[in-house]
Amino acid sequence: MAETEIAAETAMAEETAKAHAKAGHIEYPSQLYAWYAVAVLVIAYTFSFIDRQILSLLVGPMKRDLEISDFQMSLLQGFAFAIFYTLMGLPIGRMVDSHNRVRIITIGIAVWSLMTALCGISKSYMQLFIYRMGVGVGEAALSPAAYSMLSDYFKPERIGVAIGVYGTGVYIGAGLALVIGAEVVEAARAAGSSTFPIIGTVYPWQMVFFIVGLPGLLVALWAWTLREPPRHGATETPPLRQVLAYMKANRFTLICHNMCYALSAMMGYGVAAWIPEFMIRTHGWSAGQIGSAYGWIIAIFGTAGVIAGGWLGDFAAKRSRNGRMLVLALTGILTLPFALAAPLVDNPMLAVYLLIPATFFATFTTGGGPSAMQELMPNKMRGMASAIMLFVVNIIGLGLGPSAIAFMTDFILQDESQLRYSIAIVPAVLLAGSSVFGFIGLRAYRRSRDFRDQYEAAEA
């Protein structure tokens, strides 16, 4: 952070004032249309999470028909999807900074919807693994482009709420995947296997992929109608080496931010992947029962949490230049007691009730994490920075979250009936680690905010 310490305080104040003055004259699109665009992006994000979350209700039948273990199943839920989701996010993030973002989003939605449907024709574990990689490729296009667009649709003081509302797609989608998915799974199970020309015999769980995947093609057509917002800030896309140099100068802040967000996400993805199976194994609930109960918790309280996290970030940012980071740091502390207790209590209804505050507090990072990144980076660097953030968050969170819990169950406890202890131990460690990274990054976050003001004043 030597670059931020070279300038005298008086010069820094003058440059900051100029940057803020210039920002005040920026014209933004109609707020009515901006919120319409948010709605379309939320629906797209919702469909993306329906496509990825539905596997949590299919653990039993997929393990039976494919003859696989918990750990192999966790790779389908996390790693198979996350590896290409994260790797492809980097070049796509670079494209976001210089190409039409609406077009990028549209192609991405079409690809992941088609790949989800193709999961329904897979005949082996490896085929399904490959199609899940394809889903990850498509979904890699959405969030970097969406974050960048929203930063050009909304003024800086409103971006936290806007991105928070966009982030609700995670929880609406995950919730609907369980609520609607539970009904679809039960209906498919009742209908039994079907035989189609060319495709052959299709198991009930495979039919679910057709039902949730194909409607996404209509969402792609809808997204195509969005208007590309004018970019604010720099008019020329900086060379990649300049973006990387900027990030290197702020590396401690970015590491703390990304790890705080990633460990929280690792806990969230891990718990969401295994709570339905935990309730089935430990408390004897059916997929329909837990799908409906947990689905509504995610949809309602996850959505409320991500909006609250975005709003709290905006509120805190008005009072402190590291306010958003403080909200991220507090997330783990607030979530930990409820996440630890939920799998350990013997009363199934109490376990479900404890998931309510655990879900609400855990989702603060979804609204606060991306908006903090937009606050740290100049406009023309946000796509690449968001892609790197999503790479870290998803390779750790989505790629390792479900597998960390399955690893504990299969290789440490070595007993599938002990899943409840895996869901207690692993998330507790992750949440504690998340808060540690958040708190140690508070001072560096403030310095990085000052660095961005100086950079943009120099570019003006």
Protein backbone atom coordinates (compact mmCIF):
# COMPACT_ATOMS: atom_id res chain seq x y z
CA MET A 1 0.00 0.00 0.00
CA ALA A 2 3.03 2.32 -0.40
CA GLU A 3 1.28 4.20 -3.21
CA THR A 4 -1.43 5.40 -0.82
CA GLU A 5 1.07 6.77 1.66
CA ILE A 6 3.15 8.87 -0.77
CA ALA A 7 0.59 11.65 -1.31
CA ALA A 8 0.35 14.35 1.33
CA GLU A 9 -2.94 14.56 3.19
CA THR A 10 -3.80 17.95 1.70
CA ALA A 11 -3.25 16.77 -1.87
CA MET A 12 -5.29 13.63 -1.23
CA ALA A 13 -8.17 15.71 0.12
CA GLU A 14 -8.15 17.94 -2.97
CA GLU A 15 -8.11 14.95 -5.34
CA THR A 16 -10.90 13.26 -3.43
CA ALA A 17 -13.03 16.37 -3.63
CA LYS A 18 -12.50 16.61 -7.39
CA ALA A 19 -13.44 12.97 -7.89
CA HIS A 20 -16.59 13.36 -5.83
CA ALA A 21 -17.53 16.54 -7.63
CA LYS A 22 -17.16 14.86 -10.98
CA ALA A 23 -19.20 11.86 -9.81
CA GLY A 24 -21.99 14.19 -8.77
CA HIS A 25 -22.54 15.29 -12.41
CA ILE A 26 -22.92 11.79 -13.79
CA GLU A 27 -26.32 11.09 -15.33
CA TYR A 28 -27.82 7.69 -14.63
CA PRO A 29 -30.62 5.89 -16.49
CA SER A 30 -34.23 6.18 -15.34
CA GLN A 31 -34.52 4.56 -11.93
CA LEU A 32 -37.77 2.90 -12.99
CA TYR A 33 -35.98 1.17 -15.86
CA ALA A 34 -32.98 0.44 -13.65
CA TRP A 35 -35.19 -1.48 -11.22
CA TYR A 36 -36.88 -3.26 -14.14
CA ALA A 37 -33.42 -4.42 -15.24
CA VAL A 38 -32.74 -5.59 -11.68
CA ALA A 39 -35.96 -7.62 -11.81
CA VAL A 40 -34.91 -9.35 -15.03
CA LEU A 41 -31.46 -10.09 -13.62
CA VAL A 42 -32.99 -11.43 -10.40
CA ILE A 43 -35.14 -13.84 -12.42
CA ALA A 44 -32.10 -14.97 -14.39
CA TYR A 45 -30.14 -15.46 -11.16
CA THR A 46 -33.10 -17.34 -9.70
CA PHE A 47 -33.12 -19.80 -12.59
CA SER A 48 -29.38 -20.30 -12.27
CA PHE A 49 -29.75 -21.37 -8.66
CA ILE A 50 -32.71 -23.60 -9.36
CA ASP A 51 -30.52 -25.41 -11.87
CA ARG A 52 -27.66 -25.90 -9.42
CA GLN A 53 -29.57 -26.39 -6.13
CA ILE A 54 -31.98 -29.08 -7.30
CA LEU A 55 -29.34 -31.77 -6.74
CA SER A 56 -29.71 -31.49 -2.96
CA LEU A 57 -33.14 -33.16 -3.22
CA LEU A 58 -31.89 -35.92 -5.50
CA VAL A 59 -29.06 -37.33 -3.36
CA GLY A 60 -30.81 -40.59 -2.48
CA PRO A 61 -32.04 -41.68 -5.92
CA MET A 62 -28.90 -40.48 -7.72
CA LYS A 63 -26.63 -42.36 -5.30
CA ARG A 64 -28.74 -45.47 -5.81
CA ASP A 65 -28.94 -45.39 -9.61
CA LEU A 66 -25.37 -44.22 -10.22
CA GLU A 67 -23.93 -46.31 -7.36
CA ILE A 68 -21.87 -43.46 -5.91
CA SER A 69 -20.81 -42.27 -2.40
CA ASP A 70 -21.59 -39.05 -0.52
CA PHE A 71 -18.22 -37.65 -1.58
CA GLN A 72 -18.82 -38.41 -5.27
CA MET A 73 -22.24 -36.82 -4.99
CA SER A 74 -20.67 -33.74 -3.42
CA LEU A 75 -18.38 -33.36 -6.44
CA LEU A 76 -21.45 -33.10 -8.68
CA GLN A 77 -22.98 -30.53 -6.33
CA GLY A 78 -19.82 -28.45 -6.04
CA PHE A 79 -16.53 -29.16 -7.78
CA ALA A 80 -17.83 -30.27 -11.21
CA PHE A 81 -19.83 -27.08 -11.47
CA ALA A 82 -17.37 -24.77 -9.73
CA ILE A 83 -14.22 -25.64 -11.69
CA PHE A 84 -15.41 -24.23 -15.01
CA TYR A 85 -17.66 -21.65 -13.37
CA THR A 86 -14.59 -20.12 -11.80
CA LEU A 87 -12.07 -20.64 -14.60
CA MET A 88 -14.34 -19.28 -17.33
CA GLY A 89 -15.30 -16.37 -15.11
CA LEU A 90 -11.84 -14.83 -15.53
CA PRO A 91 -11.81 -14.34 -19.33
CA ILE A 92 -15.53 -13.52 -19.26
CA GLY A 93 -14.87 -10.90 -16.58
CA ARG A 94 -12.27 -9.32 -18.83
CA MET A 95 -14.79 -9.29 -21.70
CA VAL A 96 -17.33 -7.58 -19.45
CA ASP A 97 -15.05 -4.54 -19.19
CA SER A 98 -15.02 -3.97 -22.95
CA HIS A 99 -17.94 -5.84 -24.62
CA ASN A 100 -21.73 -5.70 -24.63
CA ARG A 101 -22.80 -7.04 -21.25
CA VAL A 102 -26.39 -7.82 -22.24
CA ARG A 103 -25.14 -10.12 -25.01
CA ILE A 104 -22.76 -11.88 -22.62
CA ILE A 105 -25.58 -12.50 -20.13
CA THR A 106 -27.97 -13.79 -22.79
CA ILE A 107 -25.53 -16.33 -24.19
CA GLY A 108 -24.66 -17.49 -20.68
CA ILE A 109 -28.30 -18.13 -19.72
CA ALA A 110 -28.90 -20.13 -22.91
CA VAL A 111 -25.81 -22.28 -22.35
CA TRP A 112 -26.50 -23.19 -18.72
CA SER A 113 -30.19 -23.93 -19.41
CA LEU A 114 -29.33 -26.29 -22.26
CA MET A 115 -26.62 -28.02 -20.23
CA THR A 116 -29.02 -28.53 -17.30
CA ALA A 117 -31.51 -30.19 -19.62
CA LEU A 118 -28.73 -32.41 -21.03
CA CYS A 119 -28.09 -33.71 -17.48
CA GLY A 120 -31.39 -35.51 -17.98
CA ILE A 121 -29.98 -37.73 -20.74
CA SER A 122 -26.72 -38.67 -19.02
CA LYS A 123 -26.15 -42.42 -18.73
CA SER A 124 -23.15 -42.44 -16.39
CA TYR A 125 -21.51 -40.52 -13.59
CA MET A 126 -18.84 -39.11 -15.91
CA GLN A 127 -21.38 -37.88 -18.46
CA LEU A 128 -23.29 -36.12 -15.71
CA PHE A 129 -20.02 -34.67 -14.39
CA ILE A 130 -19.24 -33.19 -17.82
CA TYR A 131 -22.70 -31.68 -18.24
CA ARG A 132 -22.42 -30.11 -14.78
CA MET A 133 -19.18 -28.51 -15.97
CA GLY A 134 -21.15 -27.10 -18.90
CA VAL A 135 -23.68 -25.59 -16.52
CA GLY A 136 -20.79 -23.85 -14.77
CA VAL A 137 -19.49 -22.40 -18.05
CA GLY A 138 -22.85 -20.79 -18.78
CA GLU A 139 -23.44 -19.43 -15.31
CA ALA A 140 -19.96 -17.85 -15.22
CA ALA A 141 -21.26 -15.12 -17.55
CA LEU A 142 -24.04 -13.76 -15.38
CA SER A 143 -22.73 -12.15 -12.20
CA PRO A 144 -19.61 -10.29 -13.44
CA ALA A 145 -21.72 -8.68 -16.17
CA ALA A 146 -24.64 -8.04 -13.82
CA TYR A 147 -22.47 -6.37 -11.16
CA SER A 148 -20.87 -4.14 -13.79
CA MET A 149 -24.24 -3.17 -15.31
CA LEU A 150 -25.79 -2.39 -11.94
CA SER A 151 -22.87 -0.11 -11.10
CA ASP A 152 -23.81 1.91 -14.20
CA TYR A 153 -27.56 1.81 -13.53
CA PHE A 154 -27.36 3.14 -9.94
CA LYS A 155 -25.58 5.91 -8.06
CA PRO A 156 -22.82 4.77 -5.67
CA GLU A 157 -24.92 5.41 -2.56
CA ARG A 158 -27.62 3.03 -3.85
CA ILE A 159 -25.49 0.27 -5.31
CA GLY A 160 -25.50 -1.81 -2.11
CA VAL A 161 -29.29 -2.16 -2.10
CA ALA A 162 -29.40 -2.79 -5.86
CA ILE A 163 -26.78 -5.54 -5.72
CA GLY A 164 -28.43 -6.87 -2.57
CA VAL A 165 -31.75 -7.17 -4.39
CA TYR A 166 -29.97 -8.86 -7.30
CA GLY A 167 -28.40 -11.24 -4.80
CA THR A 168 -31.86 -12.32 -3.66
CA GLY A 169 -31.95 -14.44 -6.81
CA VAL A 170 -29.60 -16.81 -5.00
CA TYR A 171 -32.08 -17.45 -2.24
CA ILE A 172 -35.27 -17.18 -4.23
CA GLY A 173 -33.78 -19.69 -6.66
CA ALA A 174 -32.40 -21.98 -3.98
CA GLY A 175 -35.69 -21.82 -2.08
CA LEU A 176 -37.86 -22.44 -5.12
CA ALA A 177 -35.55 -25.28 -6.14
CA LEU A 178 -36.49 -27.00 -2.90
CA VAL A 179 -40.17 -25.99 -2.74
CA ILE A 180 -41.05 -26.61 -6.39
CA GLY A 181 -38.36 -29.24 -6.75
CA ALA A 182 -39.88 -31.25 -3.90
CA GLU A 183 -43.18 -31.38 -5.77
CA VAL A 184 -41.47 -32.19 -9.06
CA VAL A 185 -39.38 -34.91 -7.44
CA GLU A 186 -42.42 -36.51 -5.82
CA ALA A 187 -44.41 -36.31 -9.07
CA ALA A 188 -41.53 -37.76 -11.10
CA ARG A 189 -41.06 -40.52 -8.55
CA ALA A 190 -44.77 -41.38 -8.70
CA ALA A 191 -44.67 -41.46 -12.52
CA GLY A 192 -41.68 -43.81 -12.48
CA SER A 193 -39.19 -44.34 -15.28
CA SER A 194 -40.08 -43.34 -18.84
CA THR A 195 -38.80 -44.45 -22.23
CA PHE A 196 -38.18 -42.00 -25.08
CA PRO A 197 -37.02 -42.53 -28.67
CA ILE A 198 -33.23 -42.23 -29.08
CA ILE A 199 -32.76 -41.24 -25.42
CA GLY A 200 -34.03 -44.53 -24.03
CA THR A 201 -35.00 -45.09 -20.39
CA VAL A 202 -35.07 -41.97 -18.20
CA TYR A 203 -35.14 -42.20 -14.40
CA PRO A 204 -37.46 -39.92 -12.40
CA TRP A 205 -34.52 -37.81 -11.17
CA GLN A 206 -33.43 -37.27 -14.78
CA MET A 207 -36.87 -35.91 -15.71
CA VAL A 208 -36.36 -33.22 -13.07
CA PHE A 209 -33.44 -31.79 -15.06
CA PHE A 210 -35.61 -31.43 -18.18
CA ILE A 211 -38.33 -29.67 -16.21
CA VAL A 212 -36.06 -27.12 -14.52
CA GLY A 213 -33.61 -26.57 -17.40
CA LEU A 214 -35.61 -25.88 -20.55
CA PRO A 215 -37.64 -22.86 -19.28
CA GLY A 216 -34.37 -21.00 -18.89
CA LEU A 217 -34.21 -20.58 -22.67
CA LEU A 218 -37.21 -18.23 -22.42
CA VAL A 219 -35.39 -16.21 -19.76
CA ALA A 220 -32.46 -15.85 -22.17
CA LEU A 221 -34.76 -14.30 -24.78
CA TRP A 222 -36.12 -11.89 -22.17
CA ALA A 223 -32.65 -10.83 -21.04
CA TRP A 224 -31.79 -10.08 -24.69
CA THR A 225 -34.28 -7.17 -24.59
CA LEU A 226 -32.42 -5.26 -21.85
CA ARG A 227 -30.68 -1.99 -22.73
CA GLU A 228 -26.93 -1.74 -22.21
CA PRO A 229 -26.36 1.16 -19.75
CA PRO A 230 -23.70 3.78 -20.56
CA ARG A 231 -20.45 3.21 -18.68
CA HIS A 232 -19.31 5.76 -16.12
CA GLY A 233 -15.77 6.69 -15.26
CA ALA A 234 -12.90 5.80 -17.60
CA THR A 235 -13.80 5.56 -21.28
CA GLU A 236 -10.88 3.32 -22.25
CA THR A 237 -10.45 -0.22 -20.98
CA PRO A 238 -7.11 -0.31 -19.14
CA PRO A 239 -4.55 -2.97 -20.12
CA LEU A 240 -4.74 -6.17 -18.10
CA ARG A 241 -1.33 -5.47 -16.56
CA GLN A 242 -2.68 -2.16 -15.25
CA VAL A 243 -5.69 -3.89 -13.67
CA LEU A 244 -3.43 -6.48 -12.06
CA ALA A 245 -1.04 -3.79 -10.86
CA TYR A 246 -3.93 -1.91 -9.26
CA MET A 247 -5.10 -5.07 -7.52
CA LYS A 248 -1.56 -5.88 -6.41
CA ALA A 249 -1.29 -2.45 -4.80
CA ASN A 250 -4.44 -3.30 -2.83
CA ARG A 251 -3.73 -6.99 -2.40
CA PHE A 252 -4.04 -7.19 1.39
CA THR A 253 -7.49 -5.61 1.31
CA LEU A 254 -8.63 -7.84 -1.54
CA ILE A 255 -7.30 -11.01 0.10
CA CYS A 256 -9.07 -10.23 3.38
CA HIS A 257 -12.29 -9.26 1.58
CA ASN A 258 -12.32 -12.30 -0.70
CA MET A 259 -11.46 -14.79 2.04
CA CYS A 260 -14.05 -13.34 4.42
CA TYR A 261 -16.67 -13.68 1.68
CA ALA A 262 -15.41 -17.07 0.47
CA LEU A 263 -15.38 -18.82 3.86
CA SER A 264 -18.88 -17.55 4.58
CA ALA A 265 -19.99 -18.82 1.17
CA MET A 266 -18.28 -22.17 1.80
CA MET A 267 -20.38 -22.57 4.92
CA GLY A 268 -23.56 -21.54 3.09
CA TYR A 269 -23.10 -23.83 0.09
CA GLY A 270 -22.06 -26.74 2.27
CA VAL A 271 -25.03 -26.48 4.60
CA ALA A 272 -27.54 -25.92 1.77
CA ALA A 273 -26.25 -29.00 -0.05
CA TRP A 274 -26.64 -31.35 2.93
CA ILE A 275 -29.46 -30.05 5.15
CA PRO A 276 -32.18 -31.92 3.17
CA GLU A 277 -30.28 -35.22 3.39
CA PHE A 278 -29.49 -34.56 7.08
CA MET A 279 -33.20 -34.17 7.87
CA ILE A 280 -33.97 -37.35 5.91
CA ARG A 281 -31.26 -39.44 7.59
CA THR A 282 -31.39 -38.06 11.13
CA HIS A 283 -35.04 -37.11 11.62
CA GLY A 284 -36.78 -39.35 9.10
CA TRP A 285 -38.40 -36.57 7.09
CA SER A 286 -39.30 -37.08 3.45
CA ALA A 287 -37.77 -35.08 0.60
CA GLY A 288 -41.12 -33.34 0.18
CA GLN A 289 -41.30 -32.30 3.84
CA ILE A 290 -37.83 -30.83 4.13
CA GLY A 291 -37.91 -29.42 0.60
CA SER A 292 -40.99 -27.36 1.44
CA ALA A 293 -39.85 -26.27 4.91
CA TYR A 294 -36.23 -25.45 4.11
CA GLY A 295 -37.13 -24.03 0.72
CA TRP A 296 -39.40 -21.39 2.22
CA ILE A 297 -36.78 -20.55 4.86
CA ILE A 298 -34.18 -19.94 2.16
CA ALA A 299 -36.58 -18.04 -0.09
CA ILE A 300 -37.96 -15.76 2.64
CA PHE A 301 -35.19 -15.34 5.19
CA GLY A 302 -32.31 -15.72 2.75
CA THR A 303 -33.85 -13.00 0.61
CA ALA A 304 -34.44 -10.79 3.66
CA GLY A 305 -30.87 -11.35 4.81
CA VAL A 306 -29.22 -10.44 1.53
CA ILE A 307 -31.28 -7.24 1.24
CA ALA A 308 -30.53 -6.43 4.89
CA GLY A 309 -26.83 -7.05 4.28
CA GLY A 310 -26.81 -4.69 1.30
CA TRP A 311 -28.77 -2.05 3.20
CA LEU A 312 -26.56 -2.33 6.27
CA GLY A 313 -23.52 -2.00 4.01
CA ASP A 314 -24.91 1.23 2.51
CA PHE A 315 -25.81 2.52 5.99
CA ALA A 316 -22.41 1.69 7.47
CA ALA A 317 -20.56 3.09 4.45
CA LYS A 318 -22.13 6.52 5.04
CA ARG A 319 -20.64 6.56 8.53
CA SER A 320 -17.30 4.90 7.92
CA ARG A 321 -15.16 4.29 4.85
CA ASN A 322 -14.77 0.64 5.87
CA GLY A 323 -18.40 0.19 6.89
CA ARG A 324 -19.14 -2.48 4.28
CA MET A 325 -16.17 -4.56 5.44
CA LEU A 326 -17.38 -4.31 9.04
CA VAL A 327 -20.74 -5.79 8.03
CA LEU A 328 -18.93 -8.68 6.33
CA ALA A 329 -16.79 -9.27 9.42
CA LEU A 330 -19.82 -9.41 11.73
CA THR A 331 -21.64 -11.97 9.57
CA GLY A 332 -19.74 -14.99 10.87
CA ILE A 333 -20.18 -14.00 14.52
CA LEU A 334 -23.93 -13.49 14.14
CA THR A 335 -24.45 -16.75 12.24
CA LEU A 336 -22.25 -19.14 14.21
CA PRO A 337 -24.39 -19.97 17.31
CA PHE A 338 -27.48 -20.81 15.25
CA ALA A 339 -25.58 -22.77 12.59
CA LEU A 340 -23.86 -24.81 15.29
CA ALA A 341 -27.03 -25.60 17.24
CA ALA A 342 -29.35 -26.51 14.35
CA PRO A 343 -27.88 -29.94 13.48
CA LEU A 344 -27.21 -30.90 17.11
CA VAL A 345 -30.67 -30.52 18.67
CA ASP A 346 -32.83 -33.65 18.82
CA ASN A 347 -36.16 -31.96 18.07
CA PRO A 348 -36.57 -31.73 14.26
CA MET A 349 -38.87 -28.70 14.41
CA LEU A 350 -36.42 -26.85 16.65
CA ALA A 351 -33.68 -27.67 14.16
CA VAL A 352 -35.75 -26.14 11.37
CA TYR A 353 -36.53 -23.03 13.45
CA LEU A 354 -32.82 -22.53 14.19
CA LEU A 355 -32.15 -22.53 10.45
CA ILE A 356 -34.17 -19.31 10.18
CA PRO A 357 -31.71 -16.95 11.97
CA ALA A 358 -28.75 -18.95 10.64
CA THR A 359 -29.95 -18.39 7.07
CA PHE A 360 -30.82 -14.73 7.65
CA PHE A 361 -27.44 -13.72 9.09
CA ALA A 362 -25.35 -15.94 6.79
CA THR A 363 -26.71 -14.18 3.71
CA PHE A 364 -25.43 -10.72 4.70
CA THR A 365 -22.23 -11.36 2.75
CA THR A 366 -24.12 -11.95 -0.51
CA GLY A 367 -25.34 -8.35 -0.53
CA GLY A 368 -22.30 -6.82 1.14
CA GLY A 369 -19.45 -8.69 -0.56
CA PRO A 370 -20.04 -7.70 -4.21
CA SER A 371 -21.03 -4.11 -3.39
CA ALA A 372 -17.81 -3.72 -1.39
CA MET A 373 -15.83 -4.86 -4.43
CA GLN A 374 -17.54 -2.28 -6.64
CA GLU A 375 -16.61 0.35 -4.06
CA LEU A 376 -12.95 -0.66 -4.11
CA MET A 377 -12.41 -0.72 -7.89
CA PRO A 378 -12.55 1.88 -10.70
CA ASN A 379 -15.34 1.31 -13.23
CA LYS A 380 -13.32 -0.23 -16.05
CA MET A 381 -11.69 -2.70 -13.68
CA ARG A 382 -14.85 -3.96 -11.98
CA GLY A 383 -15.63 -6.79 -14.37
CA MET A 384 -12.19 -8.37 -13.98
CA ALA A 385 -12.10 -7.73 -10.23
CA SER A 386 -15.58 -9.23 -9.80
CA ALA A 387 -14.55 -12.26 -11.84
CA ILE A 388 -11.49 -12.80 -9.63
CA MET A 389 -13.65 -12.35 -6.53
CA LEU A 390 -16.16 -14.88 -7.85
CA PHE A 391 -13.30 -17.22 -8.74
CA VAL A 392 -12.07 -17.20 -5.15
CA VAL A 393 -15.53 -17.28 -3.59
CA ASN A 394 -16.83 -20.07 -5.77
CA ILE A 395 -13.77 -22.30 -6.00
CA ILE A 396 -13.61 -22.20 -2.19
CA GLY A 397 -17.29 -21.79 -1.36
CA LEU A 398 -19.09 -23.81 -4.00
CA GLY A 399 -16.22 -26.04 -5.03
CA LEU A 400 -15.18 -27.10 -1.52
CA GLY A 401 -18.24 -26.40 0.67
CA PRO A 402 -20.35 -29.50 -0.11
CA SER A 403 -17.25 -31.70 -0.35
CA ALA A 404 -15.82 -30.53 2.99
CA ILE A 405 -18.92 -31.78 4.79
CA ALA A 406 -18.99 -35.02 2.77
CA PHE A 407 -15.27 -35.54 3.42
CA MET A 408 -15.87 -35.22 7.16
CA THR A 409 -18.70 -37.75 6.95
CA ASP A 410 -17.04 -40.33 4.67
CA PHE A 411 -13.39 -40.17 5.71
CA ILE A 412 -13.22 -38.72 9.25
CA LEU A 413 -16.40 -39.91 10.95
CA GLN A 414 -16.77 -42.81 8.46
CA ASP A 415 -20.49 -43.13 9.13
CA GLU A 416 -23.29 -41.68 6.97
CA SER A 417 -25.56 -41.49 10.02
CA GLN A 418 -23.15 -38.97 11.60
CA LEU A 419 -23.85 -36.33 8.96
CA ARG A 420 -25.29 -34.04 11.63
CA TYR A 421 -21.87 -33.65 13.28
CA SER A 422 -20.23 -32.82 9.96
CA ILE A 423 -22.81 -30.06 9.44
CA ALA A 424 -22.01 -28.69 12.90
CA ILE A 425 -18.20 -28.87 12.93
CA VAL A 426 -17.26 -27.69 9.44
CA PRO A 427 -19.51 -24.57 9.32
CA ALA A 428 -18.41 -23.48 12.82
CA VAL A 429 -14.75 -23.45 11.75
CA LEU A 430 -15.53 -21.64 8.50
CA LEU A 431 -17.62 -18.91 10.12
CA ALA A 432 -14.95 -18.20 12.71
CA GLY A 433 -12.33 -17.93 9.98
CA SER A 434 -14.55 -15.61 7.94
CA SER A 435 -14.87 -13.11 10.78
CA VAL A 436 -11.13 -13.20 11.48
CA PHE A 437 -10.31 -12.19 7.89
CA GLY A 438 -12.99 -9.50 8.01
CA PHE A 439 -11.71 -7.81 11.13
CA ILE A 440 -8.02 -7.87 10.20
CA GLY A 441 -8.87 -6.24 6.85
CA LEU A 442 -10.74 -3.22 8.24
CA ARG A 443 -7.82 -0.77 8.28
CA ALA A 444 -6.55 -1.85 4.86
CA TYR A 445 -10.05 -1.41 3.42
CA ARG A 446 -10.06 2.26 4.40
CA ARG A 447 -6.67 2.79 2.75
CA SER A 448 -7.90 1.13 -0.44
CA ARG A 449 -10.89 3.46 -0.56
CA ASP A 450 -8.50 6.42 -0.41
CA PHE A 451 -6.33 4.84 -3.10
CA ARG A 452 -9.29 4.54 -5.48
CA ASP A 453 -10.22 8.22 -4.95
CA GLN A 454 -6.67 9.28 -5.80
CA TYR A 455 -6.55 7.01 -8.85
CA GLU A 456 -9.84 8.30 -10.28
CA ALA A 457 -8.87 11.93 -9.61
CA ALA A 458 -5.61 11.38 -11.52
CA GLU A 459 -7.53 9.81 -14.43
CA ALA A 460 -10.07 12.65 -14.57
